Amino acid sequence: MSNTRTTDLTADCPCGLGKPYGECCGALHRGVRTAATAEALMRSRYSAFAVQDAPYLLRSWHPSTRPESIDFDPEQRWTRLEILGTTGGTAFHNEGTVEFRAHFTVRGRAGDQHENSGFARVDGEWVYVDAIG
């Protein structure tokens, strides 16, 4: 049984780039392509939380820090992603960081998560390692 919420592939992608989900993060979620940068992976992971795609989140998590499973709060809705800064994380790097603020609501109350995330390449693909600091 999948935890993934039904997502319209033509709707705006949750990551905020203004592209259709199916052409943006949805393509990464389906394995059609991989993230070219740490920021692209961060955006795709935010979108995976928004659509509750646990298999993608686990696949894109570093093996040394990956949890066994992911539980979603059915009341939580991710509403907006802000990328605040990046270091490294391009095609020329093997590591990078992405500082972000992810906005959400839970039972009508607004909140946000601020994190500086570390990313690394494993077998040539970007993966999330852990929060830094």
C-alpha atoms as a PDB file:
ATOM      1  CA  MET A   1       0.000   0.000   0.000  1.00  0.00           C
ATOM      2  CA  SER A   2       1.446   3.365  -1.003  1.00  0.00           C
ATOM      3  CA  ASN A   3       1.441   6.454   1.221  1.00  0.00           C
ATOM      4  CA  THR A   4       1.746   8.700  -1.828  1.00  0.00           C
ATOM      5  CA  ARG A   5      -1.012  11.277  -2.179  1.00  0.00           C
ATOM      6  CA  THR A   6      -2.662  11.439  -5.563  1.00  0.00           C
ATOM      7  CA  THR A   7      -0.810  14.089  -7.512  1.00  0.00           C
ATOM      8  CA  ASP A   8      -1.822  15.729 -10.759  1.00  0.00           C
ATOM      9  CA  LEU A   9       1.264  15.573 -12.987  1.00  0.00           C
ATOM     10  CA  THR A  10       0.147  18.798 -14.719  1.00  0.00           C
ATOM     11  CA  ALA A  11      -0.311  20.783 -11.468  1.00  0.00           C
ATOM     12  CA  ASP A  12       2.413  23.177 -10.290  1.00  0.00           C
ATOM     13  CA  CYS A  13       5.236  21.299  -8.577  1.00  0.00           C
ATOM     14  CA  PRO A  14       5.291  21.750  -4.785  1.00  0.00           C
ATOM     15  CA  CYS A  15       8.991  22.752  -4.966  1.00  0.00           C
ATOM     16  CA  GLY A  16       8.035  26.233  -6.166  1.00  0.00           C
ATOM     17  CA  LEU A  17       9.865  26.421  -9.500  1.00  0.00           C
ATOM     18  CA  GLY A  18       6.576  26.946 -11.363  1.00  0.00           C
ATOM     19  CA  LYS A  19       6.912  23.871 -13.571  1.00  0.00           C
ATOM     20  CA  PRO A  20       4.385  21.032 -13.837  1.00  0.00           C
ATOM     21  CA  TYR A  21       4.995  18.377 -11.180  1.00  0.00           C
ATOM     22  CA  GLY A  22       5.348  15.628 -13.803  1.00  0.00           C
ATOM     23  CA  GLU A  23       8.185  17.480 -15.582  1.00  0.00           C
ATOM     24  CA  CYS A  24       9.846  18.739 -12.403  1.00  0.00           C
ATOM     25  CA  CYS A  25      10.183  16.746  -9.168  1.00  0.00           C
ATOM     26  CA  GLY A  26       7.709  14.106 -10.309  1.00  0.00           C
ATOM     27  CA  ALA A  27      10.250  12.947 -12.908  1.00  0.00           C
ATOM     28  CA  LEU A  28      12.776  12.353 -10.117  1.00  0.00           C
ATOM     29  CA  HIS A  29      10.189  10.615  -7.941  1.00  0.00           C
ATOM     30  CA  ARG A  30       9.339   8.243 -10.807  1.00  0.00           C
ATOM     31  CA  GLY A  31      13.040   7.582 -11.565  1.00  0.00           C
ATOM     32  CA  VAL A  32      12.849   9.126 -15.046  1.00  0.00           C
ATOM     33  CA  ARG A  33      15.907  11.244 -14.182  1.00  0.00           C
ATOM     34  CA  THR A  34      18.158  12.032 -11.219  1.00  0.00           C
ATOM     35  CA  ALA A  35      18.914  15.317  -9.480  1.00  0.00           C
ATOM     36  CA  ALA A  36      21.733  17.237 -11.163  1.00  0.00           C
ATOM     37  CA  THR A  37      22.522  19.309  -8.053  1.00  0.00           C
ATOM     38  CA  ALA A  38      22.118  19.142  -4.285  1.00  0.00           C
ATOM     39  CA  GLU A  39      19.514  21.917  -4.526  1.00  0.00           C
ATOM     40  CA  ALA A  40      17.511  19.931  -7.091  1.00  0.00           C
ATOM     41  CA  LEU A  41      17.576  16.956  -4.737  1.00  0.00           C
ATOM     42  CA  MET A  42      16.486  19.176  -1.827  1.00  0.00           C
ATOM     43  CA  ARG A  43      13.557  20.486  -3.882  1.00  0.00           C
ATOM     44  CA  SER A  44      12.574  16.961  -4.922  1.00  0.00           C
ATOM     45  CA  ARG A  45      12.702  15.757  -1.310  1.00  0.00           C
ATOM     46  CA  TYR A  46      10.503  18.658  -0.177  1.00  0.00           C
ATOM     47  CA  SER A  47       8.041  17.717  -2.939  1.00  0.00           C
ATOM     48  CA  ALA A  48       8.221  14.074  -1.841  1.00  0.00           C
ATOM     49  CA  PHE A  49       7.196  15.135   1.664  1.00  0.00           C
ATOM     50  CA  ALA A  50       4.365  17.198   0.143  1.00  0.00           C
ATOM     51  CA  VAL A  51       3.019  14.214  -1.832  1.00  0.00           C
ATOM     52  CA  GLN A  52       4.004  11.696   0.859  1.00  0.00           C
ATOM     53  CA  ASP A  53       6.319   9.641  -1.360  1.00  0.00           C
ATOM     54  CA  ALA A  54       8.162   7.596   1.292  1.00  0.00           C
ATOM     55  CA  PRO A  55       9.931   5.258  -1.185  1.00  0.00           C
ATOM     56  CA  TYR A  56      11.596   8.236  -2.931  1.00  0.00           C
ATOM     57  CA  LEU A  57      12.610   9.819   0.373  1.00  0.00           C
ATOM     58  CA  LEU A  58      14.234   6.585   1.514  1.00  0.00           C
ATOM     59  CA  ARG A  59      15.983   6.054  -1.859  1.00  0.00           C
ATOM     60  CA  SER A  60      17.398   9.580  -1.773  1.00  0.00           C
ATOM     61  CA  TRP A  61      18.710   9.278   1.823  1.00  0.00           C
ATOM     62  CA  HIS A  62      22.361   8.384   2.535  1.00  0.00           C
ATOM     63  CA  PRO A  63      22.643   4.734   3.613  1.00  0.00           C
ATOM     64  CA  SER A  64      24.500   5.685   6.822  1.00  0.00           C
ATOM     65  CA  THR A  65      21.707   7.978   8.087  1.00  0.00           C
ATOM     66  CA  ARG A  66      18.593   6.513   6.414  1.00  0.00           C
ATOM     67  CA  PRO A  67      15.754   5.588   8.775  1.00  0.00           C
ATOM     68  CA  GLU A  68      13.946   2.279   8.363  1.00  0.00           C
ATOM     69  CA  SER A  69      10.657   3.991   7.548  1.00  0.00           C
ATOM     70  CA  ILE A  70       8.960   7.372   7.313  1.00  0.00           C
ATOM     71  CA  ASP A  71       5.691   8.232   9.006  1.00  0.00           C
ATOM     72  CA  PHE A  72       3.712  11.190   7.716  1.00  0.00           C
ATOM     73  CA  ASP A  73       1.308  13.288   9.766  1.00  0.00           C
ATOM     74  CA  PRO A  74      -1.946  13.069   7.763  1.00  0.00           C
ATOM     75  CA  GLU A  75      -2.890  16.562   9.020  1.00  0.00           C
ATOM     76  CA  GLN A  76       0.319  18.223   7.821  1.00  0.00           C
ATOM     77  CA  ARG A  77       0.329  20.125   4.502  1.00  0.00           C
ATOM     78  CA  TRP A  78       3.570  21.490   3.093  1.00  0.00           C
ATOM     79  CA  THR A  79       2.791  24.920   1.629  1.00  0.00           C
ATOM     80  CA  ARG A  80       6.002  26.599   0.450  1.00  0.00           C
ATOM     81  CA  LEU A  81       9.745  26.068   0.140  1.00  0.00           C
ATOM     82  CA  GLU A  82      12.352  28.817   0.409  1.00  0.00           C
ATOM     83  CA  ILE A  83      15.956  28.098  -0.564  1.00  0.00           C
ATOM     84  CA  LEU A  84      18.066  30.428   1.580  1.00  0.00           C
ATOM     85  CA  GLY A  85      21.543  29.468   0.366  1.00  0.00           C
ATOM     86  CA  THR A  86      23.755  26.743  -1.061  1.00  0.00           C
ATOM     87  CA  THR A  87      27.419  25.759  -0.960  1.00  0.00           C
ATOM     88  CA  GLY A  88      28.971  23.308  -3.407  1.00  0.00           C
ATOM     89  CA  GLY A  89      26.477  20.759  -4.626  1.00  0.00           C
ATOM     90  CA  THR A  90      26.977  21.276  -8.370  1.00  0.00           C
ATOM     91  CA  ALA A  91      28.136  18.924 -11.108  1.00  0.00           C
ATOM     92  CA  PHE A  92      31.711  19.846 -10.087  1.00  0.00           C
ATOM     93  CA  HIS A  93      31.305  18.813  -6.423  1.00  0.00           C
ATOM     94  CA  ASN A  94      30.871  15.633  -4.390  1.00  0.00           C
ATOM     95  CA  GLU A  95      29.371  17.399  -1.380  1.00  0.00           C
ATOM     96  CA  GLY A  96      27.113  20.354  -0.820  1.00  0.00           C
ATOM     97  CA  THR A  97      24.767  22.075   1.569  1.00  0.00           C
ATOM     98  CA  VAL A  98      21.353  23.626   1.101  1.00  0.00           C
ATOM     99  CA  GLU A  99      19.869  25.963   3.682  1.00  0.00           C
ATOM    100  CA  PHE A 100      16.091  26.098   3.435  1.00  0.00           C
ATOM    101  CA  ARG A 101      12.873  27.014   5.183  1.00  0.00           C
ATOM    102  CA  ALA A 102       9.924  24.715   4.537  1.00  0.00           C
ATOM    103  CA  HIS A 103       6.502  26.116   5.437  1.00  0.00           C
ATOM    104  CA  PHE A 104       3.575  23.935   6.473  1.00  0.00           C
ATOM    105  CA  THR A 105       0.239  23.883   8.226  1.00  0.00           C
ATOM    106  CA  VAL A 106      -1.006  21.323  10.739  1.00  0.00           C
ATOM    107  CA  ARG A 107      -4.680  21.445  11.673  1.00  0.00           C
ATOM    108  CA  GLY A 108      -4.853  25.012  10.340  1.00  0.00           C
ATOM    109  CA  ARG A 109      -1.818  26.284  12.267  1.00  0.00           C
ATOM    110  CA  ALA A 110       1.166  27.580  10.303  1.00  0.00           C
ATOM    111  CA  GLY A 111       4.714  26.505  11.046  1.00  0.00           C
ATOM    112  CA  ASP A 112       8.076  26.137   9.362  1.00  0.00           C
ATOM    113  CA  GLN A 113      11.179  23.998   9.439  1.00  0.00           C
ATOM    114  CA  HIS A 114      14.535  25.739   8.996  1.00  0.00           C
ATOM    115  CA  GLU A 115      17.510  23.513   8.238  1.00  0.00           C
ATOM    116  CA  ASN A 116      20.950  23.516   6.691  1.00  0.00           C
ATOM    117  CA  SER A 117      21.121  20.102   5.028  1.00  0.00           C
ATOM    118  CA  GLY A 118      24.217  18.201   3.971  1.00  0.00           C
ATOM    119  CA  PHE A 119      24.295  16.275   0.704  1.00  0.00           C
ATOM    120  CA  ALA A 120      26.833  13.926  -0.887  1.00  0.00           C
ATOM    121  CA  ARG A 121      27.194  11.846  -4.010  1.00  0.00           C
ATOM    122  CA  VAL A 122      26.845   8.075  -3.688  1.00  0.00           C
ATOM    123  CA  ASP A 123      27.520   6.114  -6.863  1.00  0.00           C
ATOM    124  CA  GLY A 124      27.281   9.389  -8.807  1.00  0.00           C
ATOM    125  CA  GLU A 125      23.856  10.410  -7.437  1.00  0.00           C
ATOM    126  CA  TRP A 126      23.053  13.112  -4.901  1.00  0.00           C
ATOM    127  CA  VAL A 127      21.645  11.918  -1.568  1.00  0.00           C
ATOM    128  CA  TYR A 128      20.597  13.666   1.629  1.00  0.00           C
ATOM    129  CA  VAL A 129      23.015  12.992   4.492  1.00  0.00           C
ATOM    130  CA  ASP A 130      21.765  14.917   7.521  1.00  0.00           C
ATOM    131  CA  ALA A 131      21.055  18.308   9.060  1.00  0.00           C
ATOM    132  CA  ILE A 132      24.219  20.308   9.762  1.00  0.00           C
ATOM    133  CA  GLY A 133      24.743  22.220  12.995  1.00  0.00           C
END
